[in-house]
């Protein structure tokens, strides 16, 4: 009897320990928990705002807050139900202090995966700083000319996180050395964006060069430096759209383009949209295997998840990447053949995939009748001189059911200036 009671008490004790907030195994894999503290170590007041944002390697105008909550007593918070992917979090408290309206604000956390690997998650603790004035940023901008040259007369915009969006707070122009400076700003999360239009040829179209920094946390007062920004025009190559209908029929496909995104090529001719007949085997109007288009868009900031590919065995690496992302054998073969020829020689390539809804910031696809299942994949490739350890992306399994749409494309981004 004593042994039974002792074992019961032991099991109860273990259950209580397992239920403590500090035990990482107690946090469900699809839930993010943690605490918010002030810089003096005290707990944030109840009601402090916690923002959950998509963590991609493009921020700023592409920033996307997907959920928010408020802290309970002791500064604790919990967010559940986020779709699979990678996220970042930040905490802030409103108090109408300074132009931003925050009384306290903190930097964004390191990336957090949902669901957590092996269904074990760590609490995500956040720190808030009081909002002070008197900060600033300064930096240099160069543009894509060989060799790199200072980007004079470039419009530089400073944006600050206000609520769930970034808002413009200051604009200036670079000098002849490509230098710029922002002064008298408050503590907060910022990004810097450069924009310049140049004439490529006489009477020709304007070329848009742009660049955007990652999110920067300014702990005012004090002047902070921004890493050199590299102005360029990114081309999105070869987005191809396959349609596999459950029943042969006519489909209407329209593109929705984001800010500063331009359609530069299409086949069949896009016009006001693609109105096409698709056979049971996916053949389009009896002539095409897929819908093709290309885009021009601002150069994104580069960071986040991805894979490092060995340039010495590029075809094998590309094939493995395509299969991991959900392409079938025929699609993978076309993906591999295109990018193996398109990518210049480089010892390694950083391959950063962007999936599905995260592509909507550049290009949406409106398809009628709507497919039952769809996969959209763009891969951004950046040359690298040596191997790099990158956090791998969370790739949700893709199941093809009913009428299916598949898209792949991508871009070769320039090597950042040294």
Protein backbone atom coordinates (compact mmCIF):
# COMPACT_ATOMS: atom_id res chain seq x y z
CA UNK A 1 0.00 0.00 0.00
CA UNK A 2 2.80 2.43 0.93
CA UNK A 3 4.58 1.66 -2.35
CA UNK A 4 1.39 2.41 -4.31
CA UNK A 5 0.87 5.74 -2.52
CA UNK A 6 4.52 6.69 -3.03
CA UNK A 7 4.35 5.89 -6.74
CA UNK A 8 1.13 7.90 -7.07
CA UNK A 9 2.71 10.91 -5.38
CA UNK A 10 5.78 10.59 -7.59
CA UNK A 11 3.65 10.50 -10.77
CA UNK A 12 1.68 13.52 -9.58
CA UNK A 13 4.90 15.42 -8.89
CA UNK A 14 6.26 14.55 -12.33
CA UNK A 15 3.02 15.69 -13.92
CA UNK A 16 3.21 19.03 -12.12
CA UNK A 17 6.81 19.51 -13.18
CA UNK A 18 5.96 18.65 -16.78
CA UNK A 19 3.22 21.28 -16.71
CA UNK A 20 5.49 24.13 -15.65
CA UNK A 21 5.99 26.96 -18.12
CA UNK A 22 9.77 26.55 -17.99
CA UNK A 23 9.62 22.94 -19.27
CA UNK A 24 10.05 23.14 -23.06
CA UNK A 25 8.32 19.81 -23.62
CA UNK A 26 5.13 21.25 -22.13
CA UNK A 27 4.69 23.68 -25.04
CA UNK A 28 2.66 22.24 -27.94
CA UNK A 29 4.51 22.21 -31.25
CA UNK A 30 2.08 24.67 -32.84
CA UNK A 31 2.18 27.16 -29.96
CA UNK A 32 4.65 29.93 -29.08
CA UNK A 33 4.99 30.97 -25.44
CA UNK A 34 7.29 33.20 -23.49
CA UNK A 35 7.65 36.25 -21.26
CA UNK A 36 8.19 39.94 -21.89
CA UNK A 37 10.52 41.87 -19.61
CA UNK A 38 11.74 45.44 -19.31
CA UNK A 39 15.44 46.26 -19.53
CA UNK A 40 15.65 46.45 -15.74
CA UNK A 41 14.60 42.78 -15.56
CA UNK A 42 11.08 43.36 -14.26
CA UNK A 43 8.08 41.74 -15.90
CA UNK A 44 6.22 43.73 -18.54
CA UNK A 45 2.82 45.04 -17.40
CA UNK A 46 -0.24 43.02 -18.31
CA UNK A 47 -1.68 44.18 -21.62
CA UNK A 48 1.67 44.61 -23.38
CA UNK A 49 1.30 43.93 -27.11
CA UNK A 50 3.14 40.97 -28.68
CA UNK A 51 3.33 40.87 -32.50
CA UNK A 52 3.82 37.70 -34.55
CA UNK A 53 5.23 38.30 -38.03
CA UNK A 54 6.26 36.15 -40.96
CA UNK A 55 10.02 35.71 -40.99
CA UNK A 56 11.14 35.84 -44.62
CA UNK A 57 14.33 37.31 -45.99
CA UNK A 58 12.37 40.26 -47.31
CA UNK A 59 11.00 42.70 -44.75
CA UNK A 60 9.88 46.32 -44.88
CA UNK A 61 7.13 46.91 -47.40
CA UNK A 62 6.83 43.13 -47.54
CA UNK A 63 6.50 42.86 -43.76
CA UNK A 64 3.47 40.85 -42.68
CA UNK A 65 2.09 40.73 -39.13
CA UNK A 66 -0.11 37.63 -38.98
CA UNK A 67 -1.24 37.65 -35.34
CA UNK A 68 -0.95 39.53 -32.06
CA UNK A 69 -1.80 39.04 -28.42
CA UNK A 70 -1.33 40.73 -25.04
CA UNK A 71 0.60 39.70 -21.98
CA UNK A 72 -1.01 38.37 -18.84
CA UNK A 73 0.19 39.02 -15.29
CA UNK A 74 3.90 38.40 -14.94
CA UNK A 75 4.54 39.32 -18.60
CA UNK A 76 3.60 35.89 -19.95
CA UNK A 77 2.03 35.38 -23.38
CA UNK A 78 0.97 32.54 -25.68
CA UNK A 79 0.09 32.44 -29.39
CA UNK A 80 -1.43 29.28 -30.87
CA UNK A 81 -2.73 28.21 -34.25
CA UNK A 82 -0.08 29.72 -36.54
CA UNK A 83 0.29 27.98 -39.90
CA UNK A 84 3.54 26.05 -40.47
CA UNK A 85 6.43 28.37 -41.21
CA UNK A 86 9.07 30.62 -39.70
CA UNK A 87 8.16 33.66 -37.61
CA UNK A 88 9.64 36.49 -35.54
CA UNK A 89 8.11 38.24 -32.52
CA UNK A 90 8.40 41.66 -30.93
CA UNK A 91 6.80 43.33 -27.92
CA UNK A 92 5.68 46.90 -27.41
CA UNK A 93 3.51 49.03 -25.18
CA UNK A 94 1.52 52.07 -26.26
CA UNK A 95 1.85 55.24 -24.22
CA UNK A 96 1.83 58.11 -26.72
CA UNK A 97 5.52 58.77 -26.11
CA UNK A 98 7.32 60.18 -29.13
CA UNK A 99 6.08 60.23 -32.71
CA UNK A 100 5.61 56.45 -32.87
CA UNK A 101 3.05 56.26 -30.06
CA UNK A 102 5.00 53.52 -28.24
CA UNK A 103 6.19 54.09 -24.67
CA UNK A 104 8.28 50.89 -24.85
CA UNK A 105 9.39 48.79 -27.81
CA UNK A 106 11.73 45.85 -28.35
CA UNK A 107 13.71 44.31 -31.19
CA UNK A 108 12.44 41.32 -33.13
CA UNK A 109 13.32 37.86 -31.85
CA UNK A 110 15.42 35.27 -33.61
CA UNK A 111 13.41 33.14 -36.07
CA UNK A 112 10.95 30.68 -34.50
CA UNK A 113 9.73 27.56 -36.32
CA UNK A 114 6.11 26.34 -36.28
CA UNK A 115 5.72 23.45 -35.77
CA UNK A 116 8.80 23.14 -33.62
CA UNK A 117 11.32 20.43 -34.61
CA UNK A 118 10.60 17.10 -32.89
CA UNK A 119 7.61 18.80 -31.23
CA UNK A 120 9.85 20.42 -28.62
CA UNK A 121 9.82 24.18 -28.33
CA UNK A 122 11.69 26.70 -26.17
CA UNK A 123 9.99 29.69 -24.55
CA UNK A 124 10.60 32.89 -26.54
CA UNK A 125 11.46 35.69 -24.13
CA UNK A 126 11.21 39.28 -25.38
CA UNK A 127 12.80 42.48 -24.07
CA UNK A 128 11.39 46.02 -24.22
CA UNK A 129 13.29 49.32 -24.07
CA UNK A 130 11.83 52.70 -23.10
CA UNK A 131 11.32 54.99 -26.09
CA UNK A 132 13.88 57.80 -26.13
CA UNK A 133 14.61 60.44 -28.76
CA UNK A 134 17.85 61.61 -30.32
CA UNK A 135 18.90 58.59 -32.36
CA UNK A 136 20.01 58.40 -35.97
CA UNK A 137 21.24 56.28 -38.88
CA UNK A 138 23.93 56.81 -41.48
CA UNK A 139 25.23 54.68 -44.31
CA UNK A 140 26.48 54.35 -47.89
CA UNK A 141 24.66 53.22 -51.05
CA UNK A 142 26.36 51.76 -54.14
CA UNK A 143 24.82 50.70 -57.43
CA UNK A 144 25.23 47.82 -59.83
CA UNK A 145 28.00 49.05 -62.11
CA UNK A 146 31.28 47.17 -62.55
CA UNK A 147 33.17 48.21 -60.52
CA UNK A 148 30.66 49.27 -57.88
CA UNK A 149 30.19 53.02 -57.75
CA UNK A 150 28.60 55.36 -55.20
CA UNK A 151 24.89 55.85 -55.84
CA UNK A 152 24.60 59.64 -55.87
CA UNK A 153 21.21 61.39 -55.96
CA UNK A 154 19.38 58.34 -54.57
CA UNK A 155 16.17 58.84 -52.64
CA UNK A 156 16.53 57.28 -49.18
CA UNK A 157 13.44 56.59 -47.08
CA UNK A 158 13.38 55.72 -43.38
CA UNK A 159 10.40 53.65 -42.22
CA UNK A 160 9.43 52.80 -38.64
CA UNK A 161 7.19 50.04 -37.30
CA UNK A 162 4.02 51.73 -36.06
CA UNK A 163 1.42 49.25 -34.91
CA UNK A 164 1.47 46.39 -37.41
CA UNK A 165 2.89 48.30 -40.42
CA UNK A 166 5.97 50.25 -41.38
CA UNK A 167 5.31 53.95 -42.00
CA UNK A 168 7.53 56.56 -43.63
CA UNK A 169 9.12 58.91 -41.12
CA UNK A 170 11.88 60.67 -43.12
CA UNK A 171 13.23 61.10 -46.65
CA UNK A 172 16.65 62.35 -47.75
CA UNK A 173 18.98 62.16 -50.77
CA UNK A 174 22.47 60.69 -50.97
CA UNK A 175 25.42 62.97 -51.70
CA UNK A 176 27.96 62.44 -54.49
CA UNK A 177 29.69 59.76 -52.37
CA UNK A 178 26.46 57.80 -51.89
CA UNK A 179 26.29 58.80 -48.22
CA UNK A 180 23.10 59.61 -46.32
CA UNK A 181 22.09 60.40 -42.76
CA UNK A 182 18.89 60.46 -40.67
CA UNK A 183 18.77 62.30 -37.35
CA UNK A 184 16.46 62.89 -34.36
CA UNK A 185 14.58 59.60 -34.40
CA UNK A 186 13.06 57.62 -31.54
CA UNK A 187 13.85 54.15 -30.20
CA UNK A 188 12.15 51.61 -32.45
CA UNK A 189 12.29 49.09 -35.29
CA UNK A 190 13.29 50.65 -38.59
CA UNK A 191 14.33 49.86 -42.12
CA UNK A 192 16.04 51.95 -44.77
CA UNK A 193 15.00 51.85 -48.43
CA UNK A 194 16.88 53.31 -51.42
CA UNK A 195 15.23 54.13 -54.77
CA UNK A 196 16.69 55.50 -58.00
CA UNK A 197 15.56 55.70 -61.62
CA UNK A 198 18.16 55.73 -64.41
CA UNK A 199 17.91 55.98 -68.19
CA UNK A 200 19.44 52.87 -69.75
CA UNK A 201 19.39 54.17 -73.35
CA UNK A 202 18.31 57.35 -75.07
CA UNK A 203 14.52 57.43 -75.41
CA UNK A 204 14.46 54.04 -73.67
CA UNK A 205 12.50 53.02 -70.59
CA UNK A 206 13.61 53.95 -67.10
CA UNK A 207 15.36 51.28 -65.06
CA UNK A 208 14.36 51.15 -61.40
CA UNK A 209 17.18 50.44 -58.97
CA UNK A 210 16.34 49.84 -55.34
CA UNK A 211 17.49 48.18 -52.15
CA UNK A 212 16.09 47.63 -48.70
CA UNK A 213 17.83 46.92 -45.40
CA UNK A 214 16.78 44.20 -42.97
CA UNK A 215 14.85 45.42 -39.94
CA UNK A 216 17.09 47.51 -37.66
CA UNK A 217 16.53 48.22 -33.98
CA UNK A 218 17.54 51.72 -32.93
CA UNK A 219 18.17 52.10 -29.21
CA UNK A 220 18.19 55.90 -29.11
CA UNK A 221 20.00 58.13 -28.36
CA UNK A 222 23.06 57.65 -30.57
CA UNK A 223 24.01 57.33 -34.22
CA UNK A 224 23.97 53.81 -35.71
CA UNK A 225 25.50 52.62 -38.96
CA UNK A 226 23.62 50.75 -41.69
CA UNK A 227 25.50 48.14 -43.72
CA UNK A 228 26.24 49.22 -47.29
CA UNK A 229 23.09 49.01 -49.40
CA UNK A 230 23.41 47.65 -52.93
CA UNK A 231 21.05 49.12 -55.55
CA UNK A 232 20.00 46.73 -58.30
CA UNK A 233 17.01 45.62 -60.35
CA UNK A 234 16.02 42.02 -59.62
CA UNK A 235 14.54 39.98 -62.47
CA UNK A 236 12.25 37.09 -61.63
CA UNK A 237 12.96 34.50 -64.30
CA UNK A 238 10.86 31.70 -65.70
CA UNK A 239 7.84 31.58 -63.45
CA UNK A 240 6.02 28.77 -65.25
CA UNK A 241 2.50 27.75 -64.29
CA UNK A 242 1.31 24.18 -64.88
CA UNK A 243 -2.41 23.36 -64.70
CA UNK A 244 -3.49 19.74 -64.32
CA UNK A 245 -7.31 19.75 -64.60
CA UNK A 246 -9.50 17.06 -63.15
CA UNK A 247 -11.70 17.65 -66.19
CA UNK A 248 -10.49 19.34 -69.44
CA UNK A 249 -11.84 22.84 -69.74
CA UNK A 250 -11.25 26.56 -70.04
CA UNK A 251 -9.35 28.49 -67.36
CA UNK A 252 -8.94 32.22 -66.76
CA UNK A 253 -5.64 33.16 -65.07
CA UNK A 254 -4.83 36.72 -63.99
CA UNK A 255 -1.73 38.18 -62.32
CA UNK A 256 -1.84 40.78 -59.56
CA UNK A 257 1.46 42.67 -59.32
CA UNK A 258 2.84 44.27 -56.17
CA UNK A 259 4.48 47.63 -55.62
CA UNK A 260 7.16 48.48 -58.24
CA UNK A 261 6.73 45.03 -59.86
CA UNK A 262 6.57 44.99 -63.68
CA UNK A 263 5.58 42.29 -66.17
CA UNK A 264 8.49 42.05 -68.64
CA UNK A 265 7.63 38.94 -70.71
CA UNK A 266 4.85 36.38 -71.18
CA UNK A 267 3.98 33.37 -73.35
CA UNK A 268 1.21 33.04 -74.42
CA UNK A 269 0.78 36.82 -74.60
CA UNK A 270 -0.75 37.92 -71.32
CA UNK A 271 -2.91 40.84 -72.47
CA UNK A 272 -5.71 41.27 -69.93
CA UNK A 273 -5.11 37.76 -68.62
CA UNK A 274 -4.71 34.22 -69.91
CA UNK A 275 -7.94 32.70 -71.19
CA UNK A 276 -6.86 29.18 -72.15
CA UNK A 277 -8.20 25.67 -72.72
CA UNK A 278 -6.35 22.97 -70.79
CA UNK A 279 -6.43 19.30 -71.81
CA UNK A 280 -6.48 16.41 -69.35
CA UNK A 281 -2.69 16.01 -69.65
CA UNK A 282 -2.08 19.71 -68.88
CA UNK A 283 -1.47 20.78 -72.49
CA UNK A 284 -2.55 24.42 -72.92
CA UNK A 285 -4.36 25.44 -76.13
CA UNK A 286 -2.74 22.43 -77.77
CA UNK A 287 0.63 24.27 -77.95
CA UNK A 288 2.03 25.00 -74.49
CA UNK A 289 3.09 22.87 -71.55
CA UNK A 290 2.73 25.81 -69.16
CA UNK A 291 2.02 29.53 -68.84
CA UNK A 292 5.22 31.58 -68.79
CA UNK A 293 5.96 35.08 -67.49
CA UNK A 294 8.85 37.15 -66.15
CA UNK A 295 8.97 40.14 -63.81
CA UNK A 296 11.20 43.03 -62.84
CA UNK A 297 11.11 44.10 -59.19
CA UNK A 298 13.13 45.86 -56.49
CA UNK A 299 16.07 43.96 -55.06
CA UNK A 300 15.04 42.40 -51.73
CA UNK A 301 17.08 42.30 -48.55
CA UNK A 302 18.63 38.84 -48.13
CA UNK A 303 18.58 36.81 -44.94
CA UNK A 304 16.74 33.94 -43.32
CA UNK A 305 16.35 30.27 -44.12
CA UNK A 306 17.61 28.31 -47.11
CA UNK A 307 20.07 25.72 -48.39
CA UNK A 308 23.71 26.01 -49.43
CA UNK A 309 24.29 24.21 -52.75
CA UNK A 310 27.63 22.84 -53.87
CA UNK A 311 28.47 24.42 -57.24
CA UNK A 312 30.62 21.41 -58.19
CA UNK A 313 27.55 19.13 -58.18
CA UNK A 314 24.91 21.67 -59.05
CA UNK A 315 22.51 19.50 -61.05
CA UNK A 316 22.23 16.93 -58.27
CA UNK A 317 21.77 19.66 -55.68
CA UNK A 318 19.06 21.39 -57.74
CA UNK A 319 17.22 18.13 -58.30
CA UNK A 320 17.19 17.40 -54.59
CA UNK A 321 15.94 20.92 -53.84
CA UNK A 322 13.09 20.61 -56.35
CA UNK A 323 11.99 17.24 -54.96
CA UNK A 324 12.09 18.52 -51.36
CA UNK A 325 9.87 21.44 -52.35
CA UNK A 326 7.18 19.23 -53.90
CA UNK A 327 7.85 19.24 -57.66
CA UNK A 328 7.20 15.96 -59.48
CA UNK A 329 9.76 14.20 -61.66
CA UNK A 330 8.95 16.07 -64.88
CA UNK A 331 8.76 19.48 -63.15
CA UNK A 332 11.99 18.78 -61.25
CA UNK A 333 13.78 17.89 -64.50
CA UNK A 334 12.72 21.18 -66.12
CA UNK A 335 13.60 23.15 -62.98
CA UNK A 336 17.03 21.53 -62.78
CA UNK A 337 17.83 21.94 -66.49
CA UNK A 338 16.86 25.62 -66.47
CA UNK A 339 18.75 26.68 -63.35
CA UNK A 340 21.83 24.54 -64.06
CA UNK A 341 22.25 26.53 -67.27
CA UNK A 342 21.11 29.87 -65.86
CA UNK A 343 23.38 29.99 -62.79
CA UNK A 344 26.93 31.26 -63.50
CA UNK A 345 29.93 29.38 -62.17
CA UNK A 346 30.27 29.76 -58.41
CA UNK A 347 31.80 27.51 -55.72
CA UNK A 348 28.48 27.55 -53.82
CA UNK A 349 24.98 28.95 -54.12
CA UNK A 350 22.67 30.08 -51.34
CA UNK A 351 19.18 28.96 -52.35
CA UNK A 352 16.36 30.67 -50.47
CA UNK A 353 12.84 29.39 -51.27
CA UNK A 354 9.63 31.41 -50.95
CA UNK A 355 6.30 29.56 -51.04
CA UNK A 356 2.64 30.14 -51.78
CA UNK A 357 1.06 33.10 -49.94
CA UNK A 358 4.46 34.65 -49.24
CA UNK A 359 4.73 35.26 -53.01
CA UNK A 360 1.56 37.35 -53.04
CA UNK A 361 3.57 40.43 -52.06
CA UNK A 362 5.04 40.38 -55.58
CA UNK A 363 2.60 38.43 -57.71
CA UNK A 364 -0.78 36.87 -57.03
CA UNK A 365 -2.48 34.28 -59.25
CA UNK A 366 -6.24 34.49 -59.62
CA UNK A 367 -7.43 31.29 -61.32
CA UNK A 368 -11.01 30.47 -62.35
CA UNK A 369 -12.15 27.84 -61.81
CA UNK A 370 -9.99 27.67 -58.69
CA UNK A 371 -7.67 24.66 -58.33
CA UNK A 372 -8.23 22.14 -55.54
CA UNK A 373 -4.52 22.09 -54.66
CA UNK A 374 -1.70 24.45 -55.57
CA UNK A 375 2.04 24.89 -55.04
CA UNK A 376 3.85 28.12 -55.83
CA UNK A 377 7.63 28.18 -55.42
CA UNK A 378 10.26 30.80 -56.23
CA UNK A 379 13.91 30.28 -55.31
CA UNK A 380 16.30 33.21 -54.88
CA UNK A 381 19.91 32.25 -55.66
CA UNK A 382 22.93 34.16 -54.31
CA UNK A 383 26.54 33.22 -55.19
CA UNK A 384 28.88 32.37 -52.31
CA UNK A 385 32.63 31.77 -52.27
CA UNK A 386 32.45 29.07 -49.59
CA UNK A 387 29.98 26.81 -47.77
CA UNK A 388 27.54 28.50 -45.41
CA UNK A 389 25.43 27.06 -42.61
CA UNK A 390 21.83 28.23 -43.09
CA UNK A 391 18.80 27.34 -40.98
CA UNK A 392 16.75 24.99 -43.18
CA UNK A 393 13.23 26.09 -44.15
CA UNK A 394 10.12 24.34 -42.92
CA UNK A 395 8.61 22.74 -46.06
CA UNK A 396 5.04 21.50 -45.70
CA UNK A 397 4.26 18.29 -47.66
CA UNK A 398 2.37 18.99 -50.89
CA UNK A 399 -0.55 16.70 -51.76
CA UNK A 400 -1.95 16.82 -55.30
CA UNK A 401 -5.71 16.48 -55.20
CA UNK A 402 -8.26 17.25 -57.90
CA UNK A 403 -7.37 20.09 -60.25
CA UNK A 404 -3.80 21.03 -59.39
CA UNK A 405 -1.73 24.16 -60.09
CA UNK A 406 2.06 24.18 -59.79
CA UNK A 407 4.36 27.16 -60.33
CA UNK A 408 8.13 27.49 -60.08
CA UNK A 409 10.43 30.41 -60.82
CA UNK A 410 13.14 32.44 -59.16
CA UNK A 411 15.89 35.00 -59.42
CA UNK A 412 19.68 35.20 -59.47
CA UNK A 413 20.57 37.98 -57.05
CA UNK A 414 23.92 39.77 -57.31
CA UNK A 415 26.69 39.07 -54.85
CA UNK A 416 26.60 41.80 -52.19
CA UNK A 417 29.50 44.24 -52.37
CA UNK A 418 32.43 43.44 -50.11
